[in-house]
Amino acid sequence: MANPYTSLARAQWRSFASYRTSFVVDLLSNVGGTALDVVAVLVLFQATRTVAGFSLSEGLLIVSLSSLAFALADFTVGNVDRLKTYVRTGLLDAVLVRPLGALPQLLLMDLPLRKALRLVVGVGVLAVALHVNAIAWTPARVALIVIAPLAGAVFFGAIFVISASVTFWWIDSGDLGSAFTYGGRDFTAYPVPVYSGWFRALFAYAMGFGFVAYQPAVTLLGRDDPLGLPAWAGFLSPLVALIAAAAAAFMWRAGIRHYRSTGS
């Protein structure tokens, strides 16, 4: 008997294959999402040799870790932000009566295969960033360069789920959610010292965005953190991601329990 989740994924693939030209156009147009993040950082470095004490090559490493993590999260979990549409149309009711997990169903119902090339671009930019930076490789740093993008993806995925879960209480919360998902992506694309005061303390450390790309990059580069955190702080990214995932799971379950059918 076929796995029901596999069947949902195959159905998605068949729908894309039925309109190949449209799928290819969407695939190519979505490359810009990741490329523009990198271009924005490159443009910034055209105006100055360093940003918060970081060179162009170091800045490229930070934005590459951020972009790859976000692209992976957006590819696997990003379409959960359509939850408000499913609630309005009553489609969520149909999902909840099936003997399957609600969240996996919603993710596989509209798997954004058109965003696949963003992952390729993200990996390519990271490869370039690693090449142009003189990193003293150790087993720990090799492990970190593999773990950091995955931990960052889990973190961003958790932010997507938490933001979408707000819909259960406030259906028009779209702009608020985007401030933390896409706003968080933009925040992590730059060295954390460019921000200051309560804003940096809140987003970088209280909420954990600083551990997506900045702290792992500082650890990989083997340089002192201008903010004074220890050299091993970059290895905390998986722990921060797990805490965010636990918060997302709690928020999602609370939202499902709170949800009342539309009656559609």
Protein backbone atom coordinates (compact mmCIF):
# COMPACT_ATOMS: atom_id res chain seq x y z
CA MET A 1 0.00 0.00 0.00
CA ALA A 2 1.41 3.39 -1.03
CA ASN A 3 2.36 5.88 1.63
CA PRO A 4 -0.38 8.58 1.61
CA TYR A 5 2.18 11.39 1.91
CA THR A 6 4.08 9.97 -1.07
CA SER A 7 0.83 9.88 -3.03
CA LEU A 8 0.23 13.57 -2.26
CA ALA A 9 3.75 14.44 -3.44
CA ARG A 10 3.30 12.43 -6.65
CA ALA A 11 0.01 14.17 -7.35
CA GLN A 12 1.78 17.51 -7.04
CA TRP A 13 4.48 16.39 -9.46
CA ARG A 14 1.90 15.18 -12.00
CA SER A 15 0.14 18.55 -11.86
CA PHE A 16 3.43 20.34 -12.62
CA ALA A 17 4.29 17.88 -15.39
CA SER A 18 0.95 18.59 -17.07
CA TYR A 19 1.97 22.21 -17.67
CA ARG A 20 5.69 21.91 -18.37
CA THR A 21 6.23 25.26 -20.03
CA SER A 22 4.55 27.14 -17.21
CA PHE A 23 6.56 25.11 -14.68
CA VAL A 24 9.88 25.92 -16.39
CA VAL A 25 9.03 29.63 -16.54
CA ASP A 26 8.12 29.62 -12.83
CA LEU A 27 11.29 27.68 -12.05
CA LEU A 28 13.53 30.20 -13.79
CA SER A 29 11.70 33.29 -12.49
CA ASN A 30 12.09 32.07 -8.91
CA VAL A 31 15.88 32.14 -9.14
CA GLY A 32 15.74 35.89 -8.60
CA GLY A 33 14.52 35.46 -5.02
CA THR A 34 17.90 34.18 -3.81
CA ALA A 35 20.05 36.06 -6.32
CA LEU A 36 18.63 39.45 -5.31
CA ASP A 37 19.58 38.87 -1.65
CA VAL A 38 23.19 38.40 -2.71
CA VAL A 39 23.14 41.31 -5.16
CA ALA A 40 21.85 43.66 -2.43
CA VAL A 41 24.85 42.81 -0.25
CA LEU A 42 27.27 43.21 -3.16
CA VAL A 43 25.83 46.64 -3.94
CA LEU A 44 26.29 47.68 -0.32
CA PHE A 45 29.96 46.74 -0.46
CA GLN A 46 30.41 48.84 -3.60
CA ALA A 47 29.88 51.91 -1.41
CA THR A 48 32.32 50.89 1.34
CA ARG A 49 35.25 48.51 1.75
CA THR A 50 33.96 47.09 5.02
CA VAL A 51 30.59 46.85 6.79
CA ALA A 52 30.76 46.72 10.60
CA GLY A 53 34.36 45.56 10.24
CA PHE A 54 33.55 42.74 7.79
CA SER A 55 35.05 42.58 4.29
CA LEU A 56 33.19 41.76 1.08
CA SER A 57 34.26 38.10 1.14
CA GLU A 58 33.18 37.75 4.78
CA GLY A 59 29.87 39.46 4.04
CA LEU A 60 29.37 37.06 1.14
CA LEU A 61 29.77 34.10 3.51
CA ILE A 62 27.12 35.52 5.84
CA VAL A 63 24.57 36.19 3.10
CA SER A 64 25.23 32.80 1.48
CA LEU A 65 24.49 30.93 4.72
CA SER A 66 21.36 33.02 5.22
CA SER A 67 20.11 32.62 1.64
CA LEU A 68 20.65 28.87 1.50
CA ALA A 69 18.94 28.33 4.87
CA PHE A 70 15.96 30.45 3.85
CA ALA A 71 15.69 28.85 0.39
CA LEU A 72 15.61 25.38 1.95
CA ALA A 73 12.98 26.41 4.52
CA ASP A 74 10.87 28.21 1.90
CA PHE A 75 11.03 25.16 -0.37
CA THR A 76 9.95 22.68 2.29
CA VAL A 77 7.73 24.71 4.63
CA GLY A 78 7.13 28.14 3.06
CA ASN A 79 3.74 27.38 1.54
CA VAL A 80 2.28 27.03 5.05
CA ASP A 81 1.77 30.80 4.87
CA ARG A 82 -1.24 29.99 2.65
CA LEU A 83 -3.03 28.72 5.74
CA LYS A 84 -5.24 31.82 5.85
CA THR A 85 -6.57 30.89 2.39
CA TYR A 86 -7.28 27.33 3.48
CA VAL A 87 -9.15 28.59 6.56
CA ARG A 88 -11.23 31.08 4.55
CA THR A 89 -12.21 28.55 1.87
CA GLY A 90 -12.93 25.72 4.31
CA LEU A 91 -10.21 23.52 2.81
CA LEU A 92 -8.64 23.12 6.25
CA ASP A 93 -11.81 21.37 7.41
CA ALA A 94 -11.30 18.68 4.76
CA VAL A 95 -7.66 18.29 5.80
CA LEU A 96 -8.53 17.84 9.46
CA VAL A 97 -11.01 15.01 8.89
CA ARG A 98 -8.39 12.86 7.17
CA PRO A 99 -6.45 10.38 9.35
CA LEU A 100 -3.18 12.13 8.56
CA GLY A 101 -1.17 14.93 10.16
CA ALA A 102 -2.59 18.32 9.20
CA LEU A 103 0.74 20.10 8.75
CA PRO A 104 2.37 17.48 6.47
CA GLN A 105 -0.79 17.44 4.33
CA LEU A 106 -0.78 21.21 3.93
CA LEU A 107 2.90 21.22 2.99
CA LEU A 108 2.53 18.47 0.38
CA MET A 109 -0.69 19.83 -1.10
CA ASP A 110 1.20 22.69 -2.71
CA LEU A 111 4.87 21.70 -2.66
CA PRO A 112 6.65 24.63 -4.36
CA LEU A 113 8.84 22.69 -6.80
CA ARG A 114 9.12 25.91 -8.81
CA LYS A 115 11.48 27.18 -6.09
CA ALA A 116 13.95 24.30 -6.52
CA LEU A 117 16.50 26.38 -8.44
CA ARG A 118 16.80 28.73 -5.47
CA LEU A 119 18.49 25.87 -3.65
CA VAL A 120 20.94 25.39 -6.51
CA VAL A 121 21.79 29.11 -6.51
CA GLY A 122 22.16 29.09 -2.73
CA VAL A 123 24.59 26.16 -2.80
CA GLY A 124 26.54 27.83 -5.62
CA VAL A 125 26.89 31.14 -3.77
CA LEU A 126 28.01 29.32 -0.61
CA ALA A 127 30.64 27.42 -2.61
CA VAL A 128 31.98 30.73 -3.98
CA ALA A 129 31.99 32.26 -0.49
CA LEU A 130 33.98 29.36 0.91
CA HIS A 131 36.46 29.64 -1.96
CA VAL A 132 37.15 33.37 -1.52
CA ASN A 133 37.58 33.14 2.27
CA ALA A 134 40.76 31.68 3.73
CA ILE A 135 39.13 29.28 6.18
CA ALA A 136 41.41 27.13 8.32
CA TRP A 137 39.51 23.88 8.01
CA THR A 138 39.17 21.59 11.02
CA PRO A 139 36.79 18.63 11.53
CA ALA A 140 34.59 20.89 13.67
CA ARG A 141 34.36 23.56 10.96
CA VAL A 142 33.63 20.97 8.28
CA ALA A 143 30.76 19.74 10.43
CA LEU A 144 29.58 23.31 11.00
CA ILE A 145 29.41 24.19 7.29
CA VAL A 146 27.09 21.20 6.81
CA ILE A 147 25.03 21.72 9.96
CA ALA A 148 24.64 25.53 9.85
CA PRO A 149 22.47 25.76 6.69
CA LEU A 150 20.31 22.86 7.90
CA ALA A 151 19.91 24.39 11.36
CA GLY A 152 19.11 27.74 9.73
CA ALA A 153 16.48 26.05 7.56
CA VAL A 154 14.88 24.45 10.64
CA PHE A 155 14.89 27.86 12.33
CA PHE A 156 13.29 29.65 9.38
CA GLY A 157 10.83 26.77 8.97
CA ALA A 158 9.81 27.23 12.59
CA ILE A 159 9.28 30.95 11.99
CA PHE A 160 7.07 30.13 8.99
CA VAL A 161 4.94 27.77 11.09
CA ILE A 162 4.68 30.14 14.05
CA SER A 163 3.69 33.03 11.77
CA ALA A 164 1.10 30.90 9.98
CA SER A 165 -0.31 29.61 13.28
CA VAL A 166 -1.30 33.14 14.26
CA THR A 167 -3.99 32.74 11.58
CA PHE A 168 -5.96 30.49 13.92
CA TRP A 169 -6.57 33.52 16.14
CA TRP A 170 -6.18 36.38 13.63
CA ILE A 171 -6.92 35.48 10.03
CA ASP A 172 -5.60 38.75 8.58
CA SER A 173 -2.17 38.43 10.18
CA GLY A 174 -0.30 38.06 6.87
CA ASP A 175 1.76 41.25 7.06
CA LEU A 176 2.74 40.54 10.65
CA GLY A 177 3.98 37.08 9.70
CA SER A 178 5.97 38.43 6.75
CA ALA A 179 7.76 40.84 9.06
CA PHE A 180 9.34 37.87 10.84
CA THR A 181 9.80 35.45 7.91
CA TYR A 182 10.97 37.65 5.03
CA GLY A 183 12.08 40.39 7.41
CA GLY A 184 14.11 37.79 9.29
CA ARG A 185 15.73 36.70 6.04
CA ASP A 186 16.81 40.27 5.34
CA PHE A 187 18.05 40.70 8.91
CA THR A 188 20.29 37.63 8.73
CA ALA A 189 21.86 38.66 5.42
CA TYR A 190 24.09 41.28 7.09
CA PRO A 191 26.62 41.23 9.93
CA VAL A 192 24.75 41.63 13.23
CA PRO A 193 26.95 44.56 14.41
CA VAL A 194 25.33 46.80 11.76
CA TYR A 195 22.27 46.81 14.02
CA SER A 196 22.25 48.36 17.47
CA GLY A 197 20.41 48.73 20.75
CA TRP A 198 17.19 46.94 21.59
CA PHE A 199 16.59 46.00 17.94
CA ARG A 200 19.77 43.91 17.78
CA ALA A 201 19.22 42.43 21.24
CA LEU A 202 15.65 41.42 20.38
CA PHE A 203 16.06 40.00 16.88
CA ALA A 204 19.61 38.67 16.94
CA TYR A 205 19.69 37.05 20.36
CA ALA A 206 16.31 37.02 22.13
CA MET A 207 14.64 35.65 18.98
CA GLY A 208 17.75 33.84 17.71
CA PHE A 209 18.19 35.27 14.21
CA GLY A 210 21.85 35.99 14.93
CA PHE A 211 22.54 32.23 15.03
CA VAL A 212 21.28 31.56 11.50
CA ALA A 213 24.28 32.92 9.59
CA TYR A 214 26.28 35.52 11.52
CA GLN A 215 27.54 33.44 14.46
CA PRO A 216 28.33 30.35 12.31
CA ALA A 217 30.18 32.61 9.85
CA VAL A 218 32.28 34.18 12.63
CA THR A 219 33.18 30.70 13.90
CA LEU A 220 34.07 29.47 10.40
CA LEU A 221 36.26 32.51 9.76
CA GLY A 222 38.02 32.08 13.11
CA ARG A 223 37.84 35.78 13.86
CA ASP A 224 36.89 37.57 17.05
CA ASP A 225 33.25 38.52 17.35
CA PRO A 226 32.98 42.35 17.63
CA LEU A 227 30.05 41.78 20.00
CA GLY A 228 32.17 39.70 22.37
CA LEU A 229 30.55 36.27 22.05
CA PRO A 230 32.93 33.30 22.38
CA ALA A 231 34.36 31.54 19.32
CA TRP A 232 32.15 28.48 19.86
CA ALA A 233 28.90 30.49 19.69
CA GLY A 234 28.41 29.43 16.08
CA PHE A 235 27.97 25.83 17.21
CA LEU A 236 24.86 26.88 19.14
CA SER A 237 22.84 27.22 15.91
CA PRO A 238 21.38 23.66 16.08
CA LEU A 239 20.28 24.22 19.69
CA VAL A 240 18.62 27.53 18.77
CA ALA A 241 16.91 25.80 15.84
CA LEU A 242 15.58 23.03 18.08
CA ILE A 243 14.19 25.56 20.55
CA ALA A 244 12.46 27.40 17.68
CA ALA A 245 11.07 24.11 16.33
CA ALA A 246 9.68 23.21 19.76
CA ALA A 247 8.02 26.63 19.99
CA ALA A 248 6.55 26.15 16.50
CA ALA A 249 5.18 22.70 17.40
CA PHE A 250 3.55 24.11 20.54
CA MET A 251 2.07 27.05 18.63
CA TRP A 252 0.72 24.81 15.85
CA ARG A 253 -0.92 22.35 18.25
CA ALA A 254 -2.46 25.19 20.25
CA GLY A 255 -3.81 26.70 17.03
CA ILE A 256 -5.31 23.40 15.85
CA ARG A 257 -7.05 22.95 19.21
CA HIS A 258 -8.35 26.53 19.03
CA TYR A 259 -9.63 26.23 15.44
CA ARG A 260 -13.35 26.12 14.84
CA SER A 261 -14.75 24.82 11.56
CA THR A 262 -16.01 27.33 8.99
CA GLY A 263 -18.95 25.03 8.32
CA SER A 264 -18.07 24.89 4.61
